[in-house]
Amino acid sequence: MNAFQPDDSQMPSVEVPLQGTSDPLIRQLPVLGDHRGSLIAIEGGSTVPFDVKRIYYIFGTQPGVERGFHAHVALRQLAVCVAGSCEMILDDGQERTAYLLDRPDRGLLIQAMMWREMRNFSADAVLLVLADHAYDEADYIRDYDRFLETVSRLA
């Protein structure tokens, strides 16, 4: 696996326009609320640009633990850090960009064939992920060199 450590001082917040060949998108999630508090409703096909088939969340990640290190052949996802924060590194095979996920009203749309790594989870981080397909191990690419070969072949 190729090692890569992005320069944290250049890591954009999820609020800036995203860059990269595949243009992952930030989704502003609609906040509803009043004096009692706030609520965000996420609906497949409208708030999220796909029908949601699977939802999971990551929490209780121990300090220093990094997750991800894979891509999906066809799966699309929306990642929202509903509590706390974490960093998401996206890699399209040509460019790697790190994003800070730290707001429950913003989601990071992750397209197919995008390598992802997650790190620097705060102690209270809860990362919610919505996916357009059910779990399928055959959709995973877990080897970075194989990912690069596949991206090159598809280009």
Foldseek 3Di string as FASTA:
>chain_A
DDDDDDDVVPAEALPDQDDDDVRWDKQQFDWDDDPVDIDTDDAAVPSHVHHFDDKDKDAQDDAPDKDFQKFFQFKKKKKAFLAFKKKKWKDQLPDIHIYIHHHRRMITIGGGLIGIMIHDGDNGTMMMMTMRDDDDPVRMDNDVVVSNVVSVVVD
